[in-house]
C-alpha atoms as a PDB file:
ATOM      1  CA  MET A   1       2.632 226.619  48.859  1.00  0.00           C
ATOM      2  CA  LEU A   2       0.537 228.922  46.675  1.00  0.00           C
ATOM      3  CA  ALA A   3      -2.141 226.251  46.308  1.00  0.00           C
ATOM      4  CA  GLU A   4      -2.356 225.834  50.097  1.00  0.00           C
ATOM      5  CA  VAL A   5      -2.788 229.563  50.640  1.00  0.00           C
ATOM      6  CA  ALA A   6      -5.448 229.754  47.926  1.00  0.00           C
ATOM      7  CA  LEU A   7      -7.342 226.818  49.448  1.00  0.00           C
ATOM      8  CA  LYS A   8      -7.257 228.410  52.911  1.00  0.00           C
ATOM      9  CA  ILE A   9      -8.544 231.706  51.568  1.00  0.00           C
ATOM     10  CA  ILE A  10     -11.369 230.018  49.633  1.00  0.00           C
ATOM     11  CA  LEU A  11     -12.448 227.883  52.580  1.00  0.00           C
ATOM     12  CA  PHE A  12     -12.311 230.823  54.989  1.00  0.00           C
ATOM     13  CA  SER A  13     -14.351 233.071  52.721  1.00  0.00           C
ATOM     14  CA  ASP A  14     -16.938 230.323  52.146  1.00  0.00           C
ATOM     15  CA  GLY A  15     -17.155 229.801  55.903  1.00  0.00           C
ATOM     16  CA  LEU A  16     -17.967 233.480  56.383  1.00  0.00           C
ATOM     17  CA  ARG A  17     -20.826 233.304  53.883  1.00  0.00           C
ATOM     18  CA  ILE A  18     -22.606 230.211  55.219  1.00  0.00           C
ATOM     19  CA  GLY A  19     -26.028 230.722  56.759  1.00  0.00           C
ATOM     20  CA  SER A  20     -26.971 229.531  60.254  1.00  0.00           C
ATOM     21  CA  GLY A  21     -29.599 227.115  58.869  1.00  0.00           C
ATOM     22  CA  ASP A  22     -27.094 225.494  56.540  1.00  0.00           C
ATOM     23  CA  LEU A  23     -24.596 225.269  59.382  1.00  0.00           C
ATOM     24  CA  ALA A  24     -27.127 223.569  61.693  1.00  0.00           C
ATOM     25  CA  ARG A  25     -28.090 221.021  59.023  1.00  0.00           C
ATOM     26  CA  GLY A  26     -24.440 220.274  58.305  1.00  0.00           C
ATOM     27  CA  LEU A  27     -23.551 219.854  61.968  1.00  0.00           C
ATOM     28  CA  ALA A  28     -26.467 217.479  62.563  1.00  0.00           C
ATOM     29  CA  SER A  29     -25.320 215.052  59.889  1.00  0.00           C
ATOM     30  CA  VAL A  30     -21.692 215.323  60.998  1.00  0.00           C
ATOM     31  CA  GLY A  31     -22.743 214.710  64.611  1.00  0.00           C
ATOM     32  CA  ARG A  32     -24.572 211.521  63.644  1.00  0.00           C
ATOM     33  CA  ALA A  33     -21.568 210.295  61.670  1.00  0.00           C
ATOM     34  CA  ILE A  34     -19.198 211.008  64.557  1.00  0.00           C
ATOM     35  CA  PHE A  35     -21.493 209.269  67.058  1.00  0.00           C
ATOM     36  CA  LEU A  36     -21.827 206.154  64.889  1.00  0.00           C
ATOM     37  CA  GLY A  37     -18.128 206.114  64.066  1.00  0.00           C
ATOM     38  CA  MET A  38     -17.147 206.450  67.707  1.00  0.00           C
ATOM     39  CA  ALA A  39     -19.525 203.688  68.801  1.00  0.00           C
ATOM     40  CA  LEU A  40     -18.281 201.325  66.087  1.00  0.00           C
ATOM     41  CA  THR A  41     -14.641 202.097  66.888  1.00  0.00           C
ATOM     42  CA  LEU A  42     -15.218 201.429  70.584  1.00  0.00           C
ATOM     43  CA  ALA A  43     -16.975 198.138  69.883  1.00  0.00           C
ATOM     44  CA  LEU A  44     -14.357 196.901  67.402  1.00  0.00           C
ATOM     45  CA  THR A  45     -11.516 197.904  69.731  1.00  0.00           C
ATOM     46  CA  ALA A  46     -13.122 196.016  72.613  1.00  0.00           C
ATOM     47  CA  ILE A  47     -13.571 192.925  70.452  1.00  0.00           C
ATOM     48  CA  ALA A  48      -9.984 193.093  69.196  1.00  0.00           C
ATOM     49  CA  ALA A  49      -8.649 193.579  72.732  1.00  0.00           C
ATOM     50  CA  ARG A  50     -10.631 190.580  73.911  1.00  0.00           C
ATOM     51  CA  PHE A  51      -8.845 188.361  71.380  1.00  0.00           C
ATOM     52  CA  VAL A  52      -5.398 189.889  71.916  1.00  0.00           C
ATOM     53  CA  VAL A  53      -5.475 189.579  75.699  1.00  0.00           C
ATOM     54  CA  SER A  54      -7.566 186.387  75.570  1.00  0.00           C
ATOM     55  CA  PHE A  55      -8.953 186.138  79.082  1.00  0.00           C
ATOM     56  CA  PRO A  56     -11.060 183.018  79.532  1.00  0.00           C
ATOM     57  CA  SER A  57     -14.761 183.835  79.569  1.00  0.00           C
ATOM     58  CA  GLY A  58     -16.077 184.841  82.955  1.00  0.00           C
ATOM     59  CA  GLU A  59     -12.641 185.643  84.337  1.00  0.00           C
ATOM     60  CA  SER A  60     -11.812 189.236  85.104  1.00  0.00           C
ATOM     61  CA  PRO A  61      -8.282 190.622  84.743  1.00  0.00           C
ATOM     62  CA  SER A  62      -8.169 191.344  88.481  1.00  0.00           C
ATOM     63  CA  ASN A  63      -8.587 187.615  89.292  1.00  0.00           C
ATOM     64  CA  ARG A  64      -5.526 186.605  87.273  1.00  0.00           C
ATOM     65  CA  THR A  65      -2.299 185.763  89.057  1.00  0.00           C
ATOM     66  CA  SER A  66      -0.091 186.057  85.977  1.00  0.00           C
ATOM     67  CA  VAL A  67       0.267 188.321  82.986  1.00  0.00           C
ATOM     68  CA  PRO A  68      -0.785 186.862  79.590  1.00  0.00           C
ATOM     69  CA  ARG A  69       2.198 185.636  77.532  1.00  0.00           C
ATOM     70  CA  SER A  70       1.494 188.186  74.796  1.00  0.00           C
ATOM     71  CA  LEU A  71       2.107 191.012  77.299  1.00  0.00           C
ATOM     72  CA  ASP A  72       4.730 189.416  79.537  1.00  0.00           C
ATOM     73  CA  ARG A  73       7.950 190.342  77.742  1.00  0.00           C
ATOM     74  CA  PRO A  74       7.120 193.978  76.852  1.00  0.00           C
ATOM     75  CA  LEU A  75       6.083 194.654  80.447  1.00  0.00           C
ATOM     76  CA  LYS A  76       9.245 193.147  81.907  1.00  0.00           C
ATOM     77  CA  THR A  77      11.507 195.132  79.599  1.00  0.00           C
ATOM     78  CA  THR A  78       9.911 198.499  80.413  1.00  0.00           C
ATOM     79  CA  PRO A  79      11.442 199.793  83.677  1.00  0.00           C
ATOM     80  CA  PHE A  80       8.383 201.818  84.690  1.00  0.00           C
ATOM     81  CA  ALA A  81       5.999 198.938  84.036  1.00  0.00           C
ATOM     82  CA  ALA A  82       8.298 196.427  85.766  1.00  0.00           C
ATOM     83  CA  GLY A  83       8.350 198.593  88.901  1.00  0.00           C
ATOM     84  CA  SER A  84       4.583 199.005  88.817  1.00  0.00           C
ATOM     85  CA  ILE A  85       4.053 195.256  88.443  1.00  0.00           C
ATOM     86  CA  ALA A  86       6.503 194.523  91.279  1.00  0.00           C
ATOM     87  CA  ARG A  87       4.536 196.831  93.598  1.00  0.00           C
ATOM     88  CA  LEU A  88       1.247 195.128  92.652  1.00  0.00           C
ATOM     89  CA  VAL A  89       2.535 191.582  93.185  1.00  0.00           C
END
């Protein structure tokens, strides 16, 4: 507990002493890292979702008449999802 309080005090006091030029340089590098990280995360998530859902190439989810087997059981056991699917079908 004492270590946490000391760390917060040190970080707060250092934050008060930082100059605007140092802050701008630090934010620029952090912004680039966040942008690259977000783009990579989005791309990897899309690739992973493509393999999990496994739609045949060229086929959109809206053209399918059935739910993929990997999603069938969880959707049927969730009352909200089952009602939503029943209304769509």
